[in-house]
């Protein structure tokens, strides 16, 4: 756990940007959404004047932890009856979409001569939940640190591109169907924060559906980690199988998904008082906006430019297949 003194500057800056964003959204630019405003302010400052090391620990903590708290608290505002709206078609869409994304990433990565570790992390990061998935996959496949950093950089950039373009693409493909637009955003965009930021550009109902589809992908993380671990173990001598299936399982299931499910179950069975649900929603929103400010502060577009043309082919190819396959699957299944 990071020392409080190291975290405070970056967290305080992220919270300040979140506060300004809430005011801007309420009084100046109504409708664009505080998360989007926070992200844009963060990107502007993070790539210009806010580049000192003193901010790094706090923005890293805010980006990761506050998003997790936001997702967990969302469980107190949703019931199983809401999740049931996704139905079998929604589950089938997520399973097929993830399978196509992983399969294509593995094939393309091999064709472009990337390492096994880089290819697996790209496949899992894009199919499941971005940097969080890469962090869960990396130790189970004994990935190199350089490959992990490269995969995280590329996946975050791809998520940014999808985050900004899918609101328009979803409108062109599915017009004003909030459910279908939420399926496209929640079924393709990489990280939780990027899903929420993208869907917020549409409306609140789309954000709810997008988050539910995203939760389904996150729940599948444990299966992806176990499968990738087995792929890696299959290519290793018996005496080098240092990561067991049990270890993989322990690393794979995020605590905030467990918390989301528990709160959702309690709300379904007990029906929380409105003050509890509204309080959880408000706190979740503040965590979300603050986290997106931190994401913006840490986003570095120059890093991708240095990575080279081969990475652009890898990321661009996977991105195009993700969007095309999602549009086709949604049209057929939903």
C-alpha atoms as a PDB file:
ATOM      1  CA  UNK A   1       0.000   0.000   0.000  1.00  0.00           C
ATOM      2  CA  UNK A   2       1.327   3.434  -0.942  1.00  0.00           C
ATOM      3  CA  UNK A   3       2.083   5.954   1.866  1.00  0.00           C
ATOM      4  CA  UNK A   4      -0.678   8.519   2.350  1.00  0.00           C
ATOM      5  CA  UNK A   5       1.760  11.415   1.930  1.00  0.00           C
ATOM      6  CA  UNK A   6       2.806  10.093  -1.486  1.00  0.00           C
ATOM      7  CA  UNK A   7      -0.800   9.685  -2.642  1.00  0.00           C
ATOM      8  CA  UNK A   8      -2.259  12.976  -1.399  1.00  0.00           C
ATOM      9  CA  UNK A   9      -0.854  15.400  -4.030  1.00  0.00           C
ATOM     10  CA  UNK A  10      -2.059  13.408  -7.053  1.00  0.00           C
ATOM     11  CA  UNK A  11      -5.367  12.508  -5.420  1.00  0.00           C
ATOM     12  CA  UNK A  12      -5.940  16.113  -4.346  1.00  0.00           C
ATOM     13  CA  UNK A  13      -5.268  17.380  -7.865  1.00  0.00           C
ATOM     14  CA  UNK A  14      -7.590  14.754  -9.364  1.00  0.00           C
ATOM     15  CA  UNK A  15     -10.330  15.660  -6.869  1.00  0.00           C
ATOM     16  CA  UNK A  16      -9.879  19.379  -7.613  1.00  0.00           C
ATOM     17  CA  UNK A  17     -10.299  18.714 -11.346  1.00  0.00           C
ATOM     18  CA  UNK A  18     -13.362  16.580 -10.555  1.00  0.00           C
ATOM     19  CA  UNK A  19     -14.887  19.430  -8.530  1.00  0.00           C
ATOM     20  CA  UNK A  20     -14.252  21.931 -11.325  1.00  0.00           C
ATOM     21  CA  UNK A  21     -15.710  19.464 -13.839  1.00  0.00           C
ATOM     22  CA  UNK A  22     -18.900  19.053 -11.806  1.00  0.00           C
ATOM     23  CA  UNK A  23     -19.306  22.850 -11.750  1.00  0.00           C
ATOM     24  CA  UNK A  24     -18.539  23.225 -15.469  1.00  0.00           C
ATOM     25  CA  UNK A  25     -21.052  20.500 -16.339  1.00  0.00           C
ATOM     26  CA  UNK A  26     -23.740  21.964 -14.075  1.00  0.00           C
ATOM     27  CA  UNK A  27     -23.402  25.659 -14.937  1.00  0.00           C
ATOM     28  CA  UNK A  28     -21.395  26.153 -18.129  1.00  0.00           C
ATOM     29  CA  UNK A  29     -21.529  23.194 -20.531  1.00  0.00           C
ATOM     30  CA  UNK A  30     -24.631  21.242 -19.592  1.00  0.00           C
ATOM     31  CA  UNK A  31     -25.066  17.794 -21.111  1.00  0.00           C
ATOM     32  CA  UNK A  32     -21.501  16.807 -21.963  1.00  0.00           C
ATOM     33  CA  UNK A  33     -21.066  15.102 -18.584  1.00  0.00           C
ATOM     34  CA  UNK A  34     -18.684  15.772 -15.701  1.00  0.00           C
ATOM     35  CA  UNK A  35     -16.641  12.605 -16.415  1.00  0.00           C
ATOM     36  CA  UNK A  36     -15.920  13.765 -19.962  1.00  0.00           C
ATOM     37  CA  UNK A  37     -14.995  17.265 -18.787  1.00  0.00           C
ATOM     38  CA  UNK A  38     -12.681  15.803 -16.127  1.00  0.00           C
ATOM     39  CA  UNK A  39     -11.004  13.549 -18.660  1.00  0.00           C
ATOM     40  CA  UNK A  40     -10.402  16.383 -21.136  1.00  0.00           C
ATOM     41  CA  UNK A  41      -9.063  18.754 -18.474  1.00  0.00           C
ATOM     42  CA  UNK A  42      -6.800  15.975 -17.213  1.00  0.00           C
ATOM     43  CA  UNK A  43      -5.433  15.237 -20.688  1.00  0.00           C
ATOM     44  CA  UNK A  44      -4.774  18.932 -21.311  1.00  0.00           C
ATOM     45  CA  UNK A  45      -2.943  19.470 -18.020  1.00  0.00           C
ATOM     46  CA  UNK A  46      -1.185  16.099 -17.990  1.00  0.00           C
ATOM     47  CA  UNK A  47       0.393  16.659 -21.380  1.00  0.00           C
ATOM     48  CA  UNK A  48       1.447  20.261 -20.681  1.00  0.00           C
ATOM     49  CA  UNK A  49       2.106  21.622 -17.182  1.00  0.00           C
ATOM     50  CA  UNK A  50       1.384  18.693 -14.810  1.00  0.00           C
ATOM     51  CA  UNK A  51       4.347  16.431 -15.538  1.00  0.00           C
ATOM     52  CA  UNK A  52       6.236  16.444 -12.222  1.00  0.00           C
ATOM     53  CA  UNK A  53       6.908  13.090 -10.440  1.00  0.00           C
ATOM     54  CA  UNK A  54       5.206  14.317  -7.248  1.00  0.00           C
ATOM     55  CA  UNK A  55       1.784  13.675  -8.830  1.00  0.00           C
ATOM     56  CA  UNK A  56       2.403  10.129 -10.078  1.00  0.00           C
ATOM     57  CA  UNK A  57       1.628   8.040  -6.978  1.00  0.00           C
ATOM     58  CA  UNK A  58      -1.631   9.848  -6.290  1.00  0.00           C
ATOM     59  CA  UNK A  59      -2.908   9.781  -9.862  1.00  0.00           C
ATOM     60  CA  UNK A  60      -1.995   6.092 -10.188  1.00  0.00           C
ATOM     61  CA  UNK A  61      -3.899   5.304  -6.977  1.00  0.00           C
ATOM     62  CA  UNK A  62      -6.886   7.417  -8.022  1.00  0.00           C
ATOM     63  CA  UNK A  63      -7.040   5.876 -11.491  1.00  0.00           C
ATOM     64  CA  UNK A  64      -7.081   2.321 -10.162  1.00  0.00           C
ATOM     65  CA  UNK A  65      -8.775   2.364  -6.754  1.00  0.00           C
ATOM     66  CA  UNK A  66     -11.469   4.970  -7.314  1.00  0.00           C
ATOM     67  CA  UNK A  67     -12.712   3.199 -10.433  1.00  0.00           C
ATOM     68  CA  UNK A  68     -12.931  -0.014  -8.442  1.00  0.00           C
ATOM     69  CA  UNK A  69     -14.904   1.723  -5.689  1.00  0.00           C
ATOM     70  CA  UNK A  70     -17.162   3.295  -8.307  1.00  0.00           C
ATOM     71  CA  UNK A  71     -17.994  -0.060  -9.882  1.00  0.00           C
ATOM     72  CA  UNK A  72     -18.567  -1.737  -6.509  1.00  0.00           C
ATOM     73  CA  UNK A  73     -20.903   1.022  -5.293  1.00  0.00           C
ATOM     74  CA  UNK A  74     -22.877   0.762  -8.517  1.00  0.00           C
ATOM     75  CA  UNK A  75     -24.123  -2.597  -7.217  1.00  0.00           C
ATOM     76  CA  UNK A  76     -26.167  -0.759  -4.583  1.00  0.00           C
ATOM     77  CA  UNK A  77     -28.099   1.024  -7.343  1.00  0.00           C
ATOM     78  CA  UNK A  78     -28.859  -2.045  -9.489  1.00  0.00           C
ATOM     79  CA  UNK A  79     -30.925  -5.189  -8.929  1.00  0.00           C
ATOM     80  CA  UNK A  80     -30.770  -8.593 -10.551  1.00  0.00           C
ATOM     81  CA  UNK A  81     -33.942  -7.617 -12.378  1.00  0.00           C
ATOM     82  CA  UNK A  82     -31.896  -4.933 -14.165  1.00  0.00           C
ATOM     83  CA  UNK A  83     -29.158  -7.403 -15.117  1.00  0.00           C
ATOM     84  CA  UNK A  84     -31.803  -9.798 -16.434  1.00  0.00           C
ATOM     85  CA  UNK A  85     -32.564  -7.240 -19.135  1.00  0.00           C
ATOM     86  CA  UNK A  86     -29.381  -8.409 -20.875  1.00  0.00           C
ATOM     87  CA  UNK A  87     -30.883 -11.907 -21.202  1.00  0.00           C
ATOM     88  CA  UNK A  88     -29.213 -14.856 -22.924  1.00  0.00           C
ATOM     89  CA  UNK A  89     -28.605 -12.831 -26.071  1.00  0.00           C
ATOM     90  CA  UNK A  90     -26.487 -10.355 -24.116  1.00  0.00           C
ATOM     91  CA  UNK A  91     -24.441 -13.123 -22.517  1.00  0.00           C
ATOM     92  CA  UNK A  92     -23.965 -14.844 -25.880  1.00  0.00           C
ATOM     93  CA  UNK A  93     -22.848 -11.547 -27.415  1.00  0.00           C
ATOM     94  CA  UNK A  94     -20.167 -10.999 -24.766  1.00  0.00           C
ATOM     95  CA  UNK A  95     -18.856 -14.577 -24.986  1.00  0.00           C
ATOM     96  CA  UNK A  96     -18.637 -14.516 -28.789  1.00  0.00           C
ATOM     97  CA  UNK A  97     -17.197 -10.997 -28.872  1.00  0.00           C
ATOM     98  CA  UNK A  98     -14.458 -11.943 -26.404  1.00  0.00           C
ATOM     99  CA  UNK A  99     -13.678 -15.144 -28.306  1.00  0.00           C
ATOM    100  CA  UNK A 100     -13.334 -13.289 -31.615  1.00  0.00           C
ATOM    101  CA  UNK A 101     -11.174 -10.551 -30.064  1.00  0.00           C
ATOM    102  CA  UNK A 102      -8.841 -13.023 -28.351  1.00  0.00           C
ATOM    103  CA  UNK A 103      -8.592 -15.313 -31.364  1.00  0.00           C
ATOM    104  CA  UNK A 104      -7.806 -12.507 -33.797  1.00  0.00           C
ATOM    105  CA  UNK A 105      -5.286 -10.881 -31.440  1.00  0.00           C
ATOM    106  CA  UNK A 106      -3.441 -14.192 -31.018  1.00  0.00           C
ATOM    107  CA  UNK A 107      -3.311 -14.762 -34.782  1.00  0.00           C
ATOM    108  CA  UNK A 108      -2.271 -11.198 -35.628  1.00  0.00           C
ATOM    109  CA  UNK A 109       0.314 -11.053 -32.844  1.00  0.00           C
ATOM    110  CA  UNK A 110       1.922 -14.242 -34.111  1.00  0.00           C
ATOM    111  CA  UNK A 111       1.912 -12.995 -37.714  1.00  0.00           C
ATOM    112  CA  UNK A 112       3.613  -9.771 -36.619  1.00  0.00           C
ATOM    113  CA  UNK A 113       6.193 -11.779 -34.613  1.00  0.00           C
ATOM    114  CA  UNK A 114       5.360 -10.407 -31.184  1.00  0.00           C
ATOM    115  CA  UNK A 115       6.337 -12.464 -28.138  1.00  0.00           C
ATOM    116  CA  UNK A 116       3.874 -14.900 -26.577  1.00  0.00           C
ATOM    117  CA  UNK A 117       3.585 -12.684 -23.509  1.00  0.00           C
ATOM    118  CA  UNK A 118       2.886  -9.514 -25.486  1.00  0.00           C
ATOM    119  CA  UNK A 119       0.324 -11.304 -27.658  1.00  0.00           C
ATOM    120  CA  UNK A 120      -1.538 -12.845 -24.715  1.00  0.00           C
ATOM    121  CA  UNK A 121      -1.638  -9.552 -22.813  1.00  0.00           C
ATOM    122  CA  UNK A 122      -2.925  -7.696 -25.870  1.00  0.00           C
ATOM    123  CA  UNK A 123      -5.603 -10.346 -26.364  1.00  0.00           C
ATOM    124  CA  UNK A 124      -6.730 -10.302 -22.746  1.00  0.00           C
ATOM    125  CA  UNK A 125      -6.431  -6.553 -22.267  1.00  0.00           C
ATOM    126  CA  UNK A 126      -8.647  -5.796 -25.244  1.00  0.00           C
ATOM    127  CA  UNK A 127     -11.138  -8.592 -24.629  1.00  0.00           C
ATOM    128  CA  UNK A 128     -11.673  -8.054 -20.902  1.00  0.00           C
ATOM    129  CA  UNK A 129     -10.784  -4.847 -19.051  1.00  0.00           C
ATOM    130  CA  UNK A 130      -7.649  -3.126 -20.266  1.00  0.00           C
ATOM    131  CA  UNK A 131      -4.802  -2.518 -17.836  1.00  0.00           C
ATOM    132  CA  UNK A 132      -6.498  -4.469 -15.032  1.00  0.00           C
ATOM    133  CA  UNK A 133      -6.668  -7.584 -17.183  1.00  0.00           C
ATOM    134  CA  UNK A 134      -3.041  -7.176 -18.257  1.00  0.00           C
ATOM    135  CA  UNK A 135      -2.003  -6.824 -14.612  1.00  0.00           C
ATOM    136  CA  UNK A 136      -3.854 -10.047 -13.753  1.00  0.00           C
ATOM    137  CA  UNK A 137      -2.532 -11.981 -16.758  1.00  0.00           C
ATOM    138  CA  UNK A 138       1.139 -10.893 -16.613  1.00  0.00           C
ATOM    139  CA  UNK A 139       2.282 -12.867 -13.526  1.00  0.00           C
ATOM    140  CA  UNK A 140       0.509 -16.045 -14.599  1.00  0.00           C
ATOM    141  CA  UNK A 141       2.344 -16.110 -17.941  1.00  0.00           C
ATOM    142  CA  UNK A 142       5.626 -14.748 -16.517  1.00  0.00           C
ATOM    143  CA  UNK A 143       5.528 -11.775 -18.881  1.00  0.00           C
ATOM    144  CA  UNK A 144       8.494  -9.440 -19.260  1.00  0.00           C
ATOM    145  CA  UNK A 145       8.126  -6.009 -17.675  1.00  0.00           C
ATOM    146  CA  UNK A 146       8.889  -4.257 -20.972  1.00  0.00           C
ATOM    147  CA  UNK A 147       6.167  -6.236 -22.756  1.00  0.00           C
ATOM    148  CA  UNK A 148       3.709  -5.429 -19.984  1.00  0.00           C
ATOM    149  CA  UNK A 149       4.392  -1.686 -20.199  1.00  0.00           C
ATOM    150  CA  UNK A 150       4.095  -1.780 -23.979  1.00  0.00           C
ATOM    151  CA  UNK A 151       0.804  -3.693 -23.867  1.00  0.00           C
ATOM    152  CA  UNK A 152      -0.678  -1.312 -21.292  1.00  0.00           C
ATOM    153  CA  UNK A 153       0.333   1.727 -23.356  1.00  0.00           C
ATOM    154  CA  UNK A 154      -1.156   0.353 -26.568  1.00  0.00           C
ATOM    155  CA  UNK A 155      -4.371  -0.930 -24.969  1.00  0.00           C
ATOM    156  CA  UNK A 156      -4.947   2.406 -23.227  1.00  0.00           C
ATOM    157  CA  UNK A 157      -4.504   4.281 -26.495  1.00  0.00           C
ATOM    158  CA  UNK A 158      -6.892   1.915 -28.290  1.00  0.00           C
ATOM    159  CA  UNK A 159      -9.400   2.429 -25.501  1.00  0.00           C
ATOM    160  CA  UNK A 160      -9.100   6.186 -25.875  1.00  0.00           C
ATOM    161  CA  UNK A 161      -9.772   5.981 -29.617  1.00  0.00           C
ATOM    162  CA  UNK A 162     -12.849   3.792 -29.062  1.00  0.00           C
ATOM    163  CA  UNK A 163     -14.013   5.935 -26.158  1.00  0.00           C
ATOM    164  CA  UNK A 164     -14.105   9.043 -28.345  1.00  0.00           C
ATOM    165  CA  UNK A 165     -15.465   7.475 -31.553  1.00  0.00           C
ATOM    166  CA  UNK A 166     -18.033   4.906 -30.397  1.00  0.00           C
ATOM    167  CA  UNK A 167     -20.726   7.426 -29.372  1.00  0.00           C
ATOM    168  CA  UNK A 168     -20.925   8.498 -33.033  1.00  0.00           C
ATOM    169  CA  UNK A 169     -20.437   4.981 -34.454  1.00  0.00           C
ATOM    170  CA  UNK A 170     -23.161   3.625 -32.168  1.00  0.00           C
ATOM    171  CA  UNK A 171     -25.542   6.375 -33.306  1.00  0.00           C
ATOM    172  CA  UNK A 172     -24.909   5.553 -36.970  1.00  0.00           C
ATOM    173  CA  UNK A 173     -25.264   1.799 -36.394  1.00  0.00           C
ATOM    174  CA  UNK A 174     -28.147   1.642 -33.913  1.00  0.00           C
ATOM    175  CA  UNK A 175     -29.725   5.113 -34.043  1.00  0.00           C
ATOM    176  CA  UNK A 176     -31.255   5.997 -30.661  1.00  0.00           C
ATOM    177  CA  UNK A 177     -31.492   2.527 -29.064  1.00  0.00           C
ATOM    178  CA  UNK A 178     -29.853   3.036 -25.674  1.00  0.00           C
ATOM    179  CA  UNK A 179     -29.664  -0.720 -25.056  1.00  0.00           C
ATOM    180  CA  UNK A 180     -27.842  -1.493 -28.318  1.00  0.00           C
ATOM    181  CA  UNK A 181     -25.548   1.518 -28.016  1.00  0.00           C
ATOM    182  CA  UNK A 182     -24.713   0.446 -24.467  1.00  0.00           C
ATOM    183  CA  UNK A 183     -23.976  -3.067 -25.721  1.00  0.00           C
ATOM    184  CA  UNK A 184     -21.547  -1.757 -28.339  1.00  0.00           C
ATOM    185  CA  UNK A 185     -19.703   0.499 -25.903  1.00  0.00           C
ATOM    186  CA  UNK A 186     -19.721  -1.919 -22.971  1.00  0.00           C
ATOM    187  CA  UNK A 187     -18.789  -4.863 -25.183  1.00  0.00           C
ATOM    188  CA  UNK A 188     -15.764  -3.284 -26.865  1.00  0.00           C
ATOM    189  CA  UNK A 189     -14.154  -0.396 -24.965  1.00  0.00           C
ATOM    190  CA  UNK A 190     -11.190  -1.530 -22.888  1.00  0.00           C
ATOM    191  CA  UNK A 191     -11.213  -0.083 -19.358  1.00  0.00           C
ATOM    192  CA  UNK A 192     -14.086   0.591 -16.965  1.00  0.00           C
ATOM    193  CA  UNK A 193     -13.374   4.322 -16.927  1.00  0.00           C
ATOM    194  CA  UNK A 194     -13.279   4.539 -20.695  1.00  0.00           C
ATOM    195  CA  UNK A 195     -16.579   2.645 -20.961  1.00  0.00           C
ATOM    196  CA  UNK A 196     -18.241   5.045 -18.545  1.00  0.00           C
ATOM    197  CA  UNK A 197     -16.714   8.119 -20.189  1.00  0.00           C
ATOM    198  CA  UNK A 198     -17.796   6.992 -23.651  1.00  0.00           C
ATOM    199  CA  UNK A 199     -21.333   6.051 -22.619  1.00  0.00           C
ATOM    200  CA  UNK A 200     -21.719   9.283 -20.657  1.00  0.00           C
ATOM    201  CA  UNK A 201     -21.351  11.171 -23.932  1.00  0.00           C
ATOM    202  CA  UNK A 202     -24.612   9.478 -24.996  1.00  0.00           C
ATOM    203  CA  UNK A 203     -26.885   9.503 -21.921  1.00  0.00           C
ATOM    204  CA  UNK A 204     -27.388   7.974 -18.462  1.00  0.00           C
ATOM    205  CA  UNK A 205     -29.456   4.977 -19.615  1.00  0.00           C
ATOM    206  CA  UNK A 206     -26.780   4.002 -22.134  1.00  0.00           C
ATOM    207  CA  UNK A 207     -24.196   4.318 -19.349  1.00  0.00           C
ATOM    208  CA  UNK A 208     -26.151   1.862 -17.189  1.00  0.00           C
ATOM    209  CA  UNK A 209     -26.416  -0.734 -19.957  1.00  0.00           C
ATOM    210  CA  UNK A 210     -22.785  -0.241 -21.010  1.00  0.00           C
ATOM    211  CA  UNK A 211     -21.647  -0.797 -17.428  1.00  0.00           C
ATOM    212  CA  UNK A 212     -23.658  -4.018 -17.169  1.00  0.00           C
ATOM    213  CA  UNK A 213     -22.132  -5.393 -20.376  1.00  0.00           C
ATOM    214  CA  UNK A 214     -18.712  -4.355 -19.073  1.00  0.00           C
ATOM    215  CA  UNK A 215     -19.333  -6.170 -15.783  1.00  0.00           C
ATOM    216  CA  UNK A 216     -20.040  -9.366 -17.747  1.00  0.00           C
ATOM    217  CA  UNK A 217     -16.643  -9.021 -19.425  1.00  0.00           C
ATOM    218  CA  UNK A 218     -14.909  -8.418 -16.097  1.00  0.00           C
ATOM    219  CA  UNK A 219     -16.538 -11.514 -14.595  1.00  0.00           C
ATOM    220  CA  UNK A 220     -14.951 -13.534 -17.418  1.00  0.00           C
ATOM    221  CA  UNK A 221     -11.470 -12.357 -16.374  1.00  0.00           C
ATOM    222  CA  UNK A 222     -10.891 -15.380 -14.162  1.00  0.00           C
ATOM    223  CA  UNK A 223     -11.594 -17.763 -17.051  1.00  0.00           C
ATOM    224  CA  UNK A 224      -9.275 -15.834 -19.383  1.00  0.00           C
ATOM    225  CA  UNK A 225      -6.431 -15.827 -16.843  1.00  0.00           C
ATOM    226  CA  UNK A 226      -6.772 -19.560 -16.217  1.00  0.00           C
ATOM    227  CA  UNK A 227      -6.828 -20.364 -19.943  1.00  0.00           C
ATOM    228  CA  UNK A 228      -3.846 -18.123 -20.706  1.00  0.00           C
ATOM    229  CA  UNK A 229      -1.957 -19.617 -17.772  1.00  0.00           C
ATOM    230  CA  UNK A 230      -2.542 -23.080 -19.207  1.00  0.00           C
ATOM    231  CA  UNK A 231      -1.380 -21.956 -22.664  1.00  0.00           C
ATOM    232  CA  UNK A 232       1.838 -20.672 -21.117  1.00  0.00           C
ATOM    233  CA  UNK A 233       2.307 -23.750 -18.922  1.00  0.00           C
ATOM    234  CA  UNK A 234       1.811 -26.000 -21.930  1.00  0.00           C
ATOM    235  CA  UNK A 235       4.977 -24.557 -23.486  1.00  0.00           C
ATOM    236  CA  UNK A 236       7.061 -24.834 -20.304  1.00  0.00           C
ATOM    237  CA  UNK A 237       9.032 -27.780 -18.851  1.00  0.00           C
ATOM    238  CA  UNK A 238       7.348 -29.370 -15.830  1.00  0.00           C
ATOM    239  CA  UNK A 239       9.944 -28.005 -13.386  1.00  0.00           C
ATOM    240  CA  UNK A 240       9.303 -24.436 -14.585  1.00  0.00           C
ATOM    241  CA  UNK A 241       5.544 -24.366 -13.986  1.00  0.00           C
ATOM    242  CA  UNK A 242       5.895 -21.799 -11.226  1.00  0.00           C
ATOM    243  CA  UNK A 243       2.293 -20.510 -11.256  1.00  0.00           C
ATOM    244  CA  UNK A 244      -0.387 -23.017 -10.290  1.00  0.00           C
ATOM    245  CA  UNK A 245      -4.035 -23.036 -11.294  1.00  0.00           C
ATOM    246  CA  UNK A 246      -4.993 -22.151  -7.713  1.00  0.00           C
ATOM    247  CA  UNK A 247      -2.628 -19.161  -7.726  1.00  0.00           C
ATOM    248  CA  UNK A 248      -4.088 -18.048 -11.055  1.00  0.00           C
ATOM    249  CA  UNK A 249      -7.622 -18.235  -9.694  1.00  0.00           C
ATOM    250  CA  UNK A 250      -6.729 -16.204  -6.595  1.00  0.00           C
ATOM    251  CA  UNK A 251      -5.280 -13.424  -8.741  1.00  0.00           C
ATOM    252  CA  UNK A 252      -8.038 -13.383 -11.314  1.00  0.00           C
ATOM    253  CA  UNK A 253     -11.331 -12.380  -9.640  1.00  0.00           C
ATOM    254  CA  UNK A 254     -11.337  -8.647  -8.826  1.00  0.00           C
ATOM    255  CA  UNK A 255     -12.611  -7.814  -5.344  1.00  0.00           C
ATOM    256  CA  UNK A 256     -14.778  -5.010  -6.673  1.00  0.00           C
ATOM    257  CA  UNK A 257     -16.722  -7.432  -8.882  1.00  0.00           C
ATOM    258  CA  UNK A 258     -17.420  -9.541  -5.791  1.00  0.00           C
ATOM    259  CA  UNK A 259     -18.510  -6.371  -3.977  1.00  0.00           C
ATOM    260  CA  UNK A 260     -20.741  -5.355  -6.899  1.00  0.00           C
ATOM    261  CA  UNK A 261     -22.461  -8.756  -6.881  1.00  0.00           C
ATOM    262  CA  UNK A 262     -22.927  -8.726  -3.084  1.00  0.00           C
ATOM    263  CA  UNK A 263     -24.437  -5.218  -3.053  1.00  0.00           C
ATOM    264  CA  UNK A 264     -26.617  -6.027  -6.046  1.00  0.00           C
ATOM    265  CA  UNK A 265     -27.876  -9.180  -4.298  1.00  0.00           C
ATOM    266  CA  UNK A 266     -28.636  -7.289  -1.099  1.00  0.00           C
ATOM    267  CA  UNK A 267     -30.483  -4.580  -3.025  1.00  0.00           C
ATOM    268  CA  UNK A 268     -32.476  -7.224  -4.913  1.00  0.00           C
ATOM    269  CA  UNK A 269     -33.546  -9.062  -1.770  1.00  0.00           C
ATOM    270  CA  UNK A 270     -33.852  -6.250   0.785  1.00  0.00           C
ATOM    271  CA  UNK A 271     -34.604  -3.245  -1.451  1.00  0.00           C
ATOM    272  CA  UNK A 272     -32.375  -0.484  -0.114  1.00  0.00           C
ATOM    273  CA  UNK A 273     -34.000   2.720   1.085  1.00  0.00           C
ATOM    274  CA  UNK A 274     -33.843   5.508  -1.527  1.00  0.00           C
ATOM    275  CA  UNK A 275     -31.371   7.472   0.606  1.00  0.00           C
ATOM    276  CA  UNK A 276     -28.942   4.534   0.538  1.00  0.00           C
ATOM    277  CA  UNK A 277     -29.233   3.963  -3.201  1.00  0.00           C
ATOM    278  CA  UNK A 278     -28.959   7.674  -3.996  1.00  0.00           C
ATOM    279  CA  UNK A 279     -26.015   8.060  -1.621  1.00  0.00           C
ATOM    280  CA  UNK A 280     -24.218   5.119  -3.221  1.00  0.00           C
ATOM    281  CA  UNK A 281     -24.910   6.565  -6.669  1.00  0.00           C
ATOM    282  CA  UNK A 282     -23.576   9.989  -5.677  1.00  0.00           C
ATOM    283  CA  UNK A 283     -20.416   8.551  -4.111  1.00  0.00           C
ATOM    284  CA  UNK A 284     -19.915   6.270  -7.108  1.00  0.00           C
ATOM    285  CA  UNK A 285     -20.202   9.279  -9.424  1.00  0.00           C
ATOM    286  CA  UNK A 286     -17.624  11.282  -7.480  1.00  0.00           C
ATOM    287  CA  UNK A 287     -15.222   8.331  -7.494  1.00  0.00           C
ATOM    288  CA  UNK A 288     -15.770   7.968 -11.231  1.00  0.00           C
ATOM    289  CA  UNK A 289     -15.181  11.634 -12.081  1.00  0.00           C
ATOM    290  CA  UNK A 290     -12.073  11.830  -9.884  1.00  0.00           C
ATOM    291  CA  UNK A 291     -10.684   8.645 -11.432  1.00  0.00           C
ATOM    292  CA  UNK A 292     -11.254   9.948 -14.949  1.00  0.00           C
ATOM    293  CA  UNK A 293      -9.411  13.145 -14.067  1.00  0.00           C
ATOM    294  CA  UNK A 294      -6.489  10.963 -12.963  1.00  0.00           C
ATOM    295  CA  UNK A 295      -6.678   8.917 -16.169  1.00  0.00           C
ATOM    296  CA  UNK A 296      -6.467  12.117 -18.185  1.00  0.00           C
ATOM    297  CA  UNK A 297      -3.491  13.349 -16.180  1.00  0.00           C
ATOM    298  CA  UNK A 298      -1.629  10.082 -16.842  1.00  0.00           C
ATOM    299  CA  UNK A 299      -2.514   9.733 -20.522  1.00  0.00           C
ATOM    300  CA  UNK A 300       0.547  10.231 -22.750  1.00  0.00           C
ATOM    301  CA  UNK A 301      -0.065  10.162 -26.496  1.00  0.00           C
ATOM    302  CA  UNK A 302       3.638  10.632 -27.265  1.00  0.00           C
ATOM    303  CA  UNK A 303       4.441   7.203 -25.809  1.00  0.00           C
ATOM    304  CA  UNK A 304       2.600   5.408 -28.581  1.00  0.00           C
ATOM    305  CA  UNK A 305       4.289   7.388 -31.355  1.00  0.00           C
ATOM    306  CA  UNK A 306       7.666   6.112 -30.146  1.00  0.00           C
ATOM    307  CA  UNK A 307       6.494   2.476 -30.238  1.00  0.00           C
ATOM    308  CA  UNK A 308       6.597   2.076 -34.004  1.00  0.00           C
ATOM    309  CA  UNK A 309       4.543   1.089 -37.024  1.00  0.00           C
ATOM    310  CA  UNK A 310       4.244  -2.601 -36.102  1.00  0.00           C
ATOM    311  CA  UNK A 311       2.411  -1.723 -32.895  1.00  0.00           C
ATOM    312  CA  UNK A 312       0.067   0.510 -34.878  1.00  0.00           C
ATOM    313  CA  UNK A 313      -0.775  -2.419 -37.159  1.00  0.00           C
ATOM    314  CA  UNK A 314      -1.381  -4.676 -34.160  1.00  0.00           C
ATOM    315  CA  UNK A 315      -3.552  -2.209 -32.276  1.00  0.00           C
ATOM    316  CA  UNK A 316      -5.392  -0.921 -35.333  1.00  0.00           C
ATOM    317  CA  UNK A 317      -6.148  -4.404 -36.627  1.00  0.00           C
ATOM    318  CA  UNK A 318      -7.579  -5.597 -33.317  1.00  0.00           C
ATOM    319  CA  UNK A 319      -9.565  -2.368 -32.889  1.00  0.00           C
ATOM    320  CA  UNK A 320     -11.230  -2.651 -36.310  1.00  0.00           C
ATOM    321  CA  UNK A 321     -12.127  -6.321 -35.799  1.00  0.00           C
ATOM    322  CA  UNK A 322     -13.547  -5.544 -32.344  1.00  0.00           C
ATOM    323  CA  UNK A 323     -15.906  -2.876 -33.646  1.00  0.00           C
ATOM    324  CA  UNK A 324     -16.995  -4.724 -36.804  1.00  0.00           C
ATOM    325  CA  UNK A 325     -17.625  -8.015 -34.999  1.00  0.00           C
ATOM    326  CA  UNK A 326     -19.530  -6.239 -32.215  1.00  0.00           C
ATOM    327  CA  UNK A 327     -21.831  -4.430 -34.658  1.00  0.00           C
ATOM    328  CA  UNK A 328     -22.544  -7.695 -36.516  1.00  0.00           C
ATOM    329  CA  UNK A 329     -23.120  -9.735 -33.344  1.00  0.00           C
ATOM    330  CA  UNK A 330     -25.391  -7.095 -31.808  1.00  0.00           C
ATOM    331  CA  UNK A 331     -27.431  -6.907 -35.018  1.00  0.00           C
ATOM    332  CA  UNK A 332     -27.874 -10.695 -35.020  1.00  0.00           C
ATOM    333  CA  UNK A 333     -28.232 -11.491 -31.302  1.00  0.00           C
ATOM    334  CA  UNK A 334     -29.851  -8.410 -29.783  1.00  0.00           C
END
